[in-house]
Each structure stands twice: as C-alpha cells, then as structure tokens.
Amino acid sequence: MKKIHKIMLAKPSCTWFNVRSWTLVPYSLALIRAVIPDKYEINILEPNLESLTVEQTRQRIKDFHPDLIGVSCSSIEYSKSAHKLAELVKQIDPSTVVIFGGVYGTATPELPMKDKNVDFVILGEGERRLPKFLKMAEERDEDFTKFDGIAYRKNGQVIINPIERFIEDLDTLPLPAYDKFNYRAYCNENDKFSNVLLPRYYPYAVMSTSRGCPFSCIYCSTHAIDGKKTRFKSAERVLEEKRLASK
C-alpha cells in the first residue's frame, strides 16, 4: 500500500446517469472529515453542489492528485456514478487508493468489489475504521484479518470481514467538521427530485440523535449500517450539535 499524504473525500454525481438529483448537507462526510488527523492534506469533491461534469471532475482529481480517495455513496441508485468516479481516479493514477463507503458499500460490499478500480470498502461507521486504516497504511501493515467491517482483496480474492462492533458511546465522536465545507450553500437550497428532504423553510440543517433501530422495515438498510440496537446521544451532545449546525 502506498504512503498516504493527500486525501480526497467525495460524493458521486447524482446527475451523470440519473434524473433525480440528491444534494444533501454532507453530514456523513463532515463526520469523516472530523476524524482525519490534521497531518493529512484533505480536499472535498462534491460534483452535486457545483454541478460538475465528468471532465470537470476529472480535472479536479488531477489537480489535487490524491493518494487516497474515499467515495461515500448513499444509494445503489447512484452506484454507476460512484464507479465512474473510481474509474477517473485510476485513469489519472492507478496507485491511488480507492475506498468506498456509505449505504451502497455497507449493504452490498460484494458489488463495489467486483470493480477492479475499487480497492477497499469500509462498512458501517467509518469514524473508527478510516483512522484505523490510515494508521495501518502509515505502518505498511496490510494484514486485515482482524479488521472488522472491511472488504479487500488478498491474492486476487475478495474477502469481506463483517461488522462485529458498533460505537457504543456516540458522545465520544467529534462534532461534524462543517467548517471545512461550504455549509451554507447546502442549507439554502434543495432539489425538486430530492427523495429525502423537502424543507419548507430555509436555511435548514441535518443532524442525528441516535443510531440503530429495532424494527424490521423491509425497505430500510439501517440494520446493515447501524445494527438493531438503538444507541442514543446525550441531550447535551444533541444540543451542542444543534448549536453547531445553526451557526
């Protein structure tokens, strides 16, 4: 595995191959950005907010030239775009490490791993797993046998280590790094085709007060990502996150 100095965090475009766009406040990326040590140079790639074309996205990747790119795909609906993003990265530099995360990778890790452009899939909560991955990369440690919640290749074979542990105390997580994003640009607009949020008033904010769910709705992927046990943030933590989002 190559030495990691520059990290790009990215969302796939919702409009390269689809009509229905999905421009959401980057809550998950802000959480991941918050746990990456400051010693790494970090760049955010958001084709949806800036309406970037494939070629414009390619140029952004080429200009930054990351050692690692983390692609957060929120739905299988946009997986084709996520894989196109991985293809662009490998065309620019085949040695760049490509990691998929989010709902698509967590619920169906075997699908992204069919793509040779995808090196790893981090399943579930990335706030603990990505820093662990970065530490292993720094130490040149490629033994993932005891790494729960990751998909990788060994001798050409795909290996999927299922999720074994969840973050029990959510208050121990850092607050979302909204200051690293153009946060207000997200909060003051939405898309008519949005399938999650249709706020009546602007600006709006997104936050999470718990993870996990004991119910068994057949259309929901929560169990695959956060498990069946509900874990709550404290009231103090929720208020702190609300104050952050309202700044």
Protein backbone atom coordinates (compact mmCIF):
# COMPACT_ATOMS: atom_id res chain seq x y z
CA MET A 1 0.00 0.00 0.00
CA LYS A 2 1.34 3.44 -0.89
CA LYS A 3 2.16 6.12 1.65
CA ILE A 4 -0.82 8.40 2.26
CA HIS A 5 -0.30 12.16 2.39
CA LYS A 6 -3.26 13.63 0.46
CA ILE A 7 -6.86 12.51 0.95
CA MET A 8 -9.89 13.41 -1.15
CA LEU A 9 -13.41 12.89 0.24
CA ALA A 10 -16.03 12.65 -2.49
CA LYS A 11 -19.69 12.14 -3.27
CA PRO A 12 -20.73 10.68 -6.64
CA SER A 13 -22.70 12.88 -9.00
CA CYS A 14 -26.44 12.20 -8.98
CA THR A 15 -26.96 13.56 -12.48
CA TRP A 16 -24.31 11.90 -14.66
CA PHE A 17 -26.55 8.87 -15.21
CA ASN A 18 -29.76 9.78 -13.36
CA VAL A 19 -32.50 12.40 -13.48
CA ARG A 20 -33.26 12.54 -9.77
CA SER A 21 -30.63 14.58 -8.01
CA TRP A 22 -29.83 14.44 -4.31
CA THR A 23 -27.95 17.40 -2.86
CA LEU A 24 -27.87 16.89 0.89
CA VAL A 25 -25.97 18.58 3.67
CA PRO A 26 -22.75 16.49 3.75
CA TYR A 27 -23.36 15.15 7.25
CA SER A 28 -21.53 11.84 6.78
CA LEU A 29 -18.55 13.42 5.04
CA ALA A 30 -18.35 16.09 7.77
CA LEU A 31 -18.18 13.33 10.39
CA ILE A 32 -15.41 11.56 8.49
CA ARG A 33 -13.54 14.82 7.90
CA ALA A 34 -13.58 15.44 11.63
CA VAL A 35 -11.71 12.22 12.49
CA ILE A 36 -8.89 12.52 9.93
CA PRO A 37 -5.68 13.75 11.59
CA ASP A 38 -4.51 17.22 10.64
CA LYS A 39 -1.24 15.90 9.26
CA TYR A 40 -3.08 14.88 6.08
CA GLU A 41 -3.88 17.33 3.29
CA ILE A 42 -7.59 17.00 2.60
CA ASN A 43 -9.75 18.06 -0.32
CA ILE A 44 -13.54 17.81 -0.72
CA LEU A 45 -15.05 16.84 -4.08
CA GLU A 46 -18.80 17.44 -4.38
CA PRO A 47 -19.99 17.27 -8.03
CA ASN A 48 -23.63 17.77 -6.99
CA LEU A 49 -23.30 21.12 -5.27
CA GLU A 50 -21.16 22.55 -8.07
CA SER A 51 -22.92 20.72 -10.95
CA LEU A 52 -19.58 19.35 -12.17
CA THR A 53 -19.38 17.41 -15.42
CA VAL A 54 -17.32 14.24 -15.77
CA GLU A 55 -14.47 16.19 -17.37
CA GLN A 56 -14.56 18.92 -14.72
CA THR A 57 -14.46 16.23 -12.04
CA ARG A 58 -11.54 14.54 -13.75
CA GLN A 59 -9.64 17.84 -13.72
CA ARG A 60 -10.36 18.40 -10.03
CA ILE A 61 -8.95 14.97 -9.23
CA LYS A 62 -5.93 15.54 -11.46
CA ASP A 63 -5.21 18.94 -9.92
CA PHE A 64 -5.26 17.63 -6.35
CA HIS A 65 -3.77 14.20 -7.19
CA PRO A 66 -4.82 12.37 -4.02
CA ASP A 67 -3.04 9.36 -2.57
CA LEU A 68 -6.39 8.10 -1.30
CA ILE A 69 -9.97 8.92 -2.22
CA GLY A 70 -12.95 7.99 -0.08
CA VAL A 71 -16.21 7.79 -2.03
CA SER A 72 -19.40 7.94 0.03
CA CYS A 73 -22.33 6.56 -1.99
CA SER A 74 -25.70 6.90 -0.27
CA SER A 75 -27.71 4.66 -2.58
CA ILE A 76 -27.29 1.90 -5.15
CA GLU A 77 -29.22 4.27 -7.42
CA TYR A 78 -26.03 6.29 -7.80
CA SER A 79 -23.56 3.41 -7.86
CA LYS A 80 -22.85 3.80 -11.58
CA SER A 81 -21.68 7.33 -10.95
CA ALA A 82 -19.58 6.20 -7.98
CA HIS A 83 -17.85 3.61 -10.15
CA LYS A 84 -17.28 6.22 -12.85
CA LEU A 85 -15.58 8.34 -10.22
CA ALA A 86 -13.33 5.41 -9.28
CA GLU A 87 -12.51 4.90 -12.96
CA LEU A 88 -11.47 8.54 -13.33
CA VAL A 89 -9.19 8.26 -10.31
CA LYS A 90 -7.42 5.14 -11.59
CA GLN A 91 -7.03 6.63 -15.07
CA ILE A 92 -5.14 9.55 -13.53
CA ASP A 93 -3.03 7.44 -11.17
CA PRO A 94 -3.53 3.67 -10.80
CA SER A 95 -1.69 3.73 -7.45
CA THR A 96 -4.30 5.97 -5.80
CA VAL A 97 -6.16 4.01 -3.12
CA VAL A 98 -9.93 3.98 -3.74
CA ILE A 99 -12.21 3.28 -0.77
CA PHE A 100 -15.99 3.07 -0.99
CA GLY A 101 -18.23 3.74 2.00
CA GLY A 102 -21.82 4.65 2.73
CA VAL A 103 -25.06 2.73 2.27
CA TYR A 104 -24.14 1.17 -1.08
CA GLY A 105 -20.84 -0.28 0.08
CA THR A 106 -22.10 -1.32 3.50
CA ALA A 107 -25.31 -3.06 2.41
CA THR A 108 -23.80 -4.78 -0.65
CA PRO A 109 -19.96 -4.81 -0.35
CA GLU A 110 -19.67 -7.58 -2.91
CA LEU A 111 -21.00 -5.28 -5.65
CA PRO A 112 -18.41 -2.47 -5.48
CA MET A 113 -15.63 -5.05 -5.02
CA LYS A 114 -16.45 -6.50 -8.45
CA ASP A 115 -14.92 -3.32 -9.82
CA LYS A 116 -11.11 -3.58 -10.05
CA ASN A 117 -10.97 0.20 -9.62
CA VAL A 118 -12.24 -0.17 -6.05
CA ASP A 119 -9.52 -1.28 -3.62
CA PHE A 120 -11.45 -1.37 -0.33
CA VAL A 121 -14.93 -0.97 1.09
CA ILE A 122 -15.33 0.29 4.65
CA LEU A 123 -18.58 -1.00 6.10
CA GLY A 124 -20.78 0.86 8.55
CA GLU A 125 -19.40 3.52 10.86
CA GLY A 126 -16.28 4.98 9.31
CA GLU A 127 -15.34 7.24 12.22
CA ARG A 128 -13.30 4.45 13.81
CA ARG A 129 -12.43 2.37 10.77
CA LEU A 130 -10.94 5.03 8.50
CA PRO A 131 -8.43 6.30 11.11
CA LYS A 132 -7.51 2.67 11.78
CA PHE A 133 -6.98 2.12 8.06
CA LEU A 134 -4.80 5.23 7.81
CA LYS A 135 -2.69 4.07 10.75
CA MET A 136 -2.19 0.68 9.10
CA ALA A 137 -1.21 2.37 5.83
CA GLU A 138 1.31 4.51 7.69
CA GLU A 139 2.83 1.40 9.26
CA ARG A 140 2.71 -0.52 5.97
CA ASP A 141 0.52 -3.10 7.67
CA GLU A 142 -1.65 -4.98 5.17
CA ASP A 143 -2.97 -7.69 7.47
CA PHE A 144 -6.72 -7.03 7.58
CA THR A 145 -7.68 -10.39 9.08
CA LYS A 146 -8.64 -8.80 12.42
CA PHE A 147 -10.15 -5.64 10.90
CA ASP A 148 -13.92 -5.89 11.23
CA GLY A 149 -16.12 -4.11 8.71
CA ILE A 150 -13.87 -4.03 5.67
CA ALA A 151 -13.78 -5.62 2.22
CA TYR A 152 -10.42 -6.12 0.49
CA ARG A 153 -8.51 -8.40 -1.84
CA LYS A 154 -5.89 -10.98 -0.98
CA ASN A 155 -4.16 -12.93 -3.71
CA GLY A 156 -6.83 -11.75 -6.12
CA GLN A 157 -9.71 -12.99 -3.97
CA VAL A 158 -12.29 -10.67 -2.41
CA ILE A 159 -12.57 -11.01 1.35
CA ILE A 160 -15.40 -9.38 3.29
CA ASN A 161 -15.00 -9.03 7.04
CA PRO A 162 -18.46 -8.38 8.51
CA ILE A 163 -19.20 -5.70 11.10
CA GLU A 164 -18.65 -7.05 14.59
CA ARG A 165 -18.59 -3.89 16.71
CA PHE A 166 -20.50 -0.63 16.80
CA ILE A 167 -19.61 2.65 18.51
CA GLU A 168 -21.45 2.38 21.82
CA ASP A 169 -20.82 5.87 23.19
CA LEU A 170 -21.75 8.28 20.40
CA ASP A 171 -20.78 11.25 22.59
CA THR A 172 -17.13 10.29 22.13
CA LEU A 173 -17.28 11.18 18.44
CA PRO A 174 -16.09 14.62 17.33
CA LEU A 175 -18.63 17.11 16.06
CA PRO A 176 -19.14 17.28 12.27
CA ALA A 177 -16.44 19.41 10.61
CA TYR A 178 -18.91 21.74 8.90
CA ASP A 179 -16.31 24.49 8.82
CA LYS A 180 -14.45 22.50 6.13
CA PHE A 181 -17.47 22.63 3.78
CA ASN A 182 -19.48 25.32 2.05
CA TYR A 183 -22.18 24.54 4.58
CA ARG A 184 -24.50 27.47 3.89
CA ALA A 185 -24.67 26.60 0.20
CA TYR A 186 -26.27 23.28 1.12
CA CYS A 187 -28.63 24.73 3.70
CA ASN A 188 -30.22 27.28 1.40
CA GLU A 189 -31.31 25.10 -1.48
CA ASN A 190 -32.68 21.68 -2.34
CA ASP A 191 -33.83 19.75 -5.40
CA LYS A 192 -37.36 19.15 -6.56
CA PHE A 193 -36.42 15.50 -7.15
CA SER A 194 -34.94 15.05 -3.68
CA ASN A 195 -36.01 11.74 -2.17
CA VAL A 196 -35.09 12.55 1.43
CA LEU A 197 -35.51 16.20 2.36
CA LEU A 198 -38.01 18.74 1.10
CA PRO A 199 -37.70 21.57 3.64
CA ARG A 200 -40.45 24.21 3.69
CA TYR A 201 -38.15 26.91 5.05
CA TYR A 202 -34.51 27.82 4.58
CA PRO A 203 -31.87 27.57 5.83
CA TYR A 204 -32.28 24.04 7.20
CA ALA A 205 -29.90 21.64 8.93
CA VAL A 206 -29.38 17.90 9.26
CA MET A 207 -28.39 16.08 12.41
CA SER A 208 -28.58 12.65 14.01
CA THR A 209 -29.63 11.93 17.60
CA SER A 210 -29.22 8.14 17.56
CA ARG A 211 -28.04 5.13 15.56
CA GLY A 212 -29.55 1.70 15.15
CA CYS A 213 -33.18 0.57 15.01
CA PRO A 214 -35.00 -2.46 16.49
CA PHE A 215 -37.68 -2.57 13.79
CA SER A 216 -37.64 -4.62 10.59
CA CYS A 217 -38.89 -2.46 7.73
CA ILE A 218 -38.08 -4.37 4.54
CA TYR A 219 -37.16 -1.24 2.56
CA CYS A 220 -34.59 0.10 5.05
CA SER A 221 -30.83 -0.56 5.22
CA THR A 222 -30.35 0.73 8.77
CA HIS A 223 -29.65 -2.72 10.22
CA ALA A 224 -26.79 -3.29 7.78
CA ILE A 225 -25.21 0.04 8.68
CA ASP A 226 -26.01 0.72 12.34
CA GLY A 227 -27.36 -2.54 13.73
CA LYS A 228 -30.58 -3.31 15.58
CA LYS A 229 -29.57 -1.91 18.95
CA THR A 230 -30.53 1.74 19.33
CA ARG A 231 -27.72 3.93 20.66
CA PHE A 232 -28.62 7.45 21.73
CA LYS A 233 -26.57 10.61 22.00
CA SER A 234 -26.95 12.51 25.25
CA ALA A 235 -29.23 15.54 25.36
CA GLU A 236 -26.17 17.74 25.96
CA ARG A 237 -24.46 16.36 22.85
CA VAL A 238 -27.59 16.86 20.73
CA LEU A 239 -27.86 20.49 21.83
CA GLU A 240 -24.15 21.03 21.13
CA GLU A 241 -24.58 19.65 17.62
CA LYS A 242 -27.69 21.78 17.10
CA ARG A 243 -25.79 24.90 18.09
CA LEU A 244 -23.01 23.99 15.66
CA ALA A 245 -25.45 23.49 12.79
CA SER A 246 -27.17 26.82 13.47
CA LYS A 247 -24.01 28.94 13.31
